[in-house]
C-alpha atoms as a PDB file:
ATOM      1  CA  UNK A   1     -65.767 -15.940 -16.583  1.00  0.00           C
ATOM      2  CA  UNK A   2     -66.102 -19.282 -14.738  1.00  0.00           C
ATOM      3  CA  UNK A   3     -63.161 -21.255 -13.385  1.00  0.00           C
ATOM      4  CA  UNK A   4     -62.500 -24.934 -14.115  1.00  0.00           C
ATOM      5  CA  UNK A   5     -60.275 -27.434 -12.332  1.00  0.00           C
ATOM      6  CA  UNK A   6     -58.443 -29.937 -14.492  1.00  0.00           C
ATOM      7  CA  UNK A   7     -57.288 -32.891 -12.401  1.00  0.00           C
ATOM      8  CA  UNK A   8     -54.949 -35.318 -14.154  1.00  0.00           C
ATOM      9  CA  UNK A   9     -53.527 -38.576 -12.835  1.00  0.00           C
ATOM     10  CA  UNK A  10     -50.471 -40.074 -14.514  1.00  0.00           C
ATOM     11  CA  UNK A  11     -50.208 -43.655 -15.667  1.00  0.00           C
ATOM     12  CA  UNK A  12     -47.817 -45.652 -13.463  1.00  0.00           C
ATOM     13  CA  UNK A  13     -44.164 -45.518 -14.457  1.00  0.00           C
ATOM     14  CA  UNK A  14     -44.481 -42.382 -16.608  1.00  0.00           C
ATOM     15  CA  UNK A  15     -42.143 -40.024 -14.736  1.00  0.00           C
ATOM     16  CA  UNK A  16     -39.606 -39.983 -17.599  1.00  0.00           C
ATOM     17  CA  UNK A  17     -42.336 -39.109 -20.133  1.00  0.00           C
ATOM     18  CA  UNK A  18     -43.498 -36.307 -17.816  1.00  0.00           C
ATOM     19  CA  UNK A  19     -39.981 -34.901 -17.538  1.00  0.00           C
ATOM     20  CA  UNK A  20     -39.422 -35.129 -21.308  1.00  0.00           C
ATOM     21  CA  UNK A  21     -42.657 -33.233 -22.105  1.00  0.00           C
ATOM     22  CA  UNK A  22     -42.406 -30.741 -19.236  1.00  0.00           C
ATOM     23  CA  UNK A  23     -41.077 -27.718 -21.170  1.00  0.00           C
ATOM     24  CA  UNK A  24     -43.731 -28.086 -23.876  1.00  0.00           C
ATOM     25  CA  UNK A  25     -46.401 -28.465 -21.181  1.00  0.00           C
ATOM     26  CA  UNK A  26     -45.251 -25.344 -19.303  1.00  0.00           C
ATOM     27  CA  UNK A  27     -45.165 -23.342 -22.537  1.00  0.00           C
ATOM     28  CA  UNK A  28     -48.705 -24.494 -23.292  1.00  0.00           C
ATOM     29  CA  UNK A  29     -49.885 -23.381 -19.836  1.00  0.00           C
ATOM     30  CA  UNK A  30     -48.397 -19.920 -20.337  1.00  0.00           C
ATOM     31  CA  UNK A  31     -49.513 -19.471 -23.952  1.00  0.00           C
ATOM     32  CA  UNK A  32     -53.093 -18.184 -23.755  1.00  0.00           C
ATOM     33  CA  UNK A  33     -53.078 -16.436 -20.384  1.00  0.00           C
ATOM     34  CA  UNK A  34     -56.119 -18.306 -19.045  1.00  0.00           C
ATOM     35  CA  UNK A  35     -54.377 -20.481 -16.430  1.00  0.00           C
ATOM     36  CA  UNK A  36     -54.841 -19.069 -12.937  1.00  0.00           C
ATOM     37  CA  UNK A  37     -52.798 -21.693 -11.080  1.00  0.00           C
ATOM     38  CA  UNK A  38     -51.131 -24.971 -11.878  1.00  0.00           C
ATOM     39  CA  UNK A  39     -48.762 -27.516 -10.410  1.00  0.00           C
ATOM     40  CA  UNK A  40     -47.931 -31.182 -10.113  1.00  0.00           C
ATOM     41  CA  UNK A  41     -49.629 -33.621  -7.790  1.00  0.00           C
ATOM     42  CA  UNK A  42     -46.989 -35.301  -5.616  1.00  0.00           C
ATOM     43  CA  UNK A  43     -47.106 -38.874  -4.378  1.00  0.00           C
ATOM     44  CA  UNK A  44     -44.240 -40.506  -2.495  1.00  0.00           C
ATOM     45  CA  UNK A  45     -42.015 -37.569  -3.438  1.00  0.00           C
ATOM     46  CA  UNK A  46     -42.601 -37.866  -7.215  1.00  0.00           C
ATOM     47  CA  UNK A  47     -44.761 -35.932  -9.664  1.00  0.00           C
ATOM     48  CA  UNK A  48     -47.743 -38.189 -10.412  1.00  0.00           C
ATOM     49  CA  UNK A  49     -50.347 -35.866 -11.866  1.00  0.00           C
ATOM     50  CA  UNK A  50     -51.400 -32.278 -12.437  1.00  0.00           C
ATOM     51  CA  UNK A  51     -53.866 -29.746 -11.083  1.00  0.00           C
ATOM     52  CA  UNK A  52     -54.695 -26.781 -13.298  1.00  0.00           C
ATOM     53  CA  UNK A  53     -57.272 -24.065 -12.638  1.00  0.00           C
ATOM     54  CA  UNK A  54     -58.200 -21.968 -15.651  1.00  0.00           C
ATOM     55  CA  UNK A  55     -60.786 -19.499 -16.849  1.00  0.00           C
ATOM     56  CA  UNK A  56     -62.919 -20.550 -19.797  1.00  0.00           C
ATOM     57  CA  UNK A  57     -66.259 -19.635 -21.328  1.00  0.00           C
ATOM     58  CA  UNK A  58     -67.796 -23.006 -20.478  1.00  0.00           C
ATOM     59  CA  UNK A  59     -67.071 -26.638 -19.648  1.00  0.00           C
ATOM     60  CA  UNK A  60     -66.733 -27.650 -23.292  1.00  0.00           C
ATOM     61  CA  UNK A  61     -64.108 -24.939 -23.903  1.00  0.00           C
ATOM     62  CA  UNK A  62     -62.157 -26.075 -20.833  1.00  0.00           C
ATOM     63  CA  UNK A  63     -62.247 -29.697 -22.038  1.00  0.00           C
ATOM     64  CA  UNK A  64     -61.079 -28.716 -25.522  1.00  0.00           C
ATOM     65  CA  UNK A  65     -58.209 -26.736 -24.012  1.00  0.00           C
ATOM     66  CA  UNK A  66     -57.207 -29.670 -21.788  1.00  0.00           C
ATOM     67  CA  UNK A  67     -57.206 -32.012 -24.802  1.00  0.00           C
ATOM     68  CA  UNK A  68     -54.377 -29.936 -26.319  1.00  0.00           C
ATOM     69  CA  UNK A  69     -51.987 -30.387 -23.370  1.00  0.00           C
ATOM     70  CA  UNK A  70     -48.616 -31.786 -24.518  1.00  0.00           C
ATOM     71  CA  UNK A  71     -48.713 -34.153 -21.541  1.00  0.00           C
ATOM     72  CA  UNK A  72     -51.843 -35.722 -22.999  1.00  0.00           C
ATOM     73  CA  UNK A  73     -50.170 -36.009 -26.413  1.00  0.00           C
ATOM     74  CA  UNK A  74     -47.249 -37.783 -24.681  1.00  0.00           C
ATOM     75  CA  UNK A  75     -49.680 -40.417 -23.366  1.00  0.00           C
ATOM     76  CA  UNK A  76     -48.954 -39.447 -19.776  1.00  0.00           C
ATOM     77  CA  UNK A  77     -52.423 -39.414 -18.257  1.00  0.00           C
ATOM     78  CA  UNK A  78     -54.451 -42.339 -16.974  1.00  0.00           C
ATOM     79  CA  UNK A  79     -57.375 -39.985 -16.318  1.00  0.00           C
ATOM     80  CA  UNK A  80     -58.371 -36.355 -16.795  1.00  0.00           C
ATOM     81  CA  UNK A  81     -61.327 -34.769 -15.009  1.00  0.00           C
ATOM     82  CA  UNK A  82     -62.545 -31.283 -15.900  1.00  0.00           C
ATOM     83  CA  UNK A  83     -65.047 -29.736 -13.503  1.00  0.00           C
ATOM     84  CA  UNK A  84     -66.290 -26.246 -12.758  1.00  0.00           C
ATOM     85  CA  UNK A  85     -64.648 -24.811  -9.667  1.00  0.00           C
ATOM     86  CA  UNK A  86     -65.608 -21.857  -7.502  1.00  0.00           C
ATOM     87  CA  UNK A  87     -62.935 -19.858  -5.713  1.00  0.00           C
ATOM     88  CA  UNK A  88     -64.015 -19.082  -2.154  1.00  0.00           C
ATOM     89  CA  UNK A  89     -60.759 -18.253  -0.337  1.00  0.00           C
ATOM     90  CA  UNK A  90     -57.497 -16.907  -1.690  1.00  0.00           C
END
C-alpha cells in the first residue's frame, strides 16, 4: 500500500486552538491504524504545523482521511498538502 505525506501549516496565532484540539487529534491519528509516523512542525520553539505519514489505497483516500482531522475542524490549518511519499531509509 502506498505512503502519503500530509504536511500542514498552522494559521498564525493558533497555538491555543492546537492545544485545545490536541487530544481529539491524537485519538484520530491512532484510530484506524494507518498512520506510520506523525509529529508537530516546530518553529521558534512552538508547534506550528503537522507532518503525518500514512498508508492509504490512493491519493484521494489520503485526502479524505486528512479532511477528517480534528485540527482541520478547529480551523487550525492555513494549508494542507497531501502527496505520495516513498520511504527510502529508515
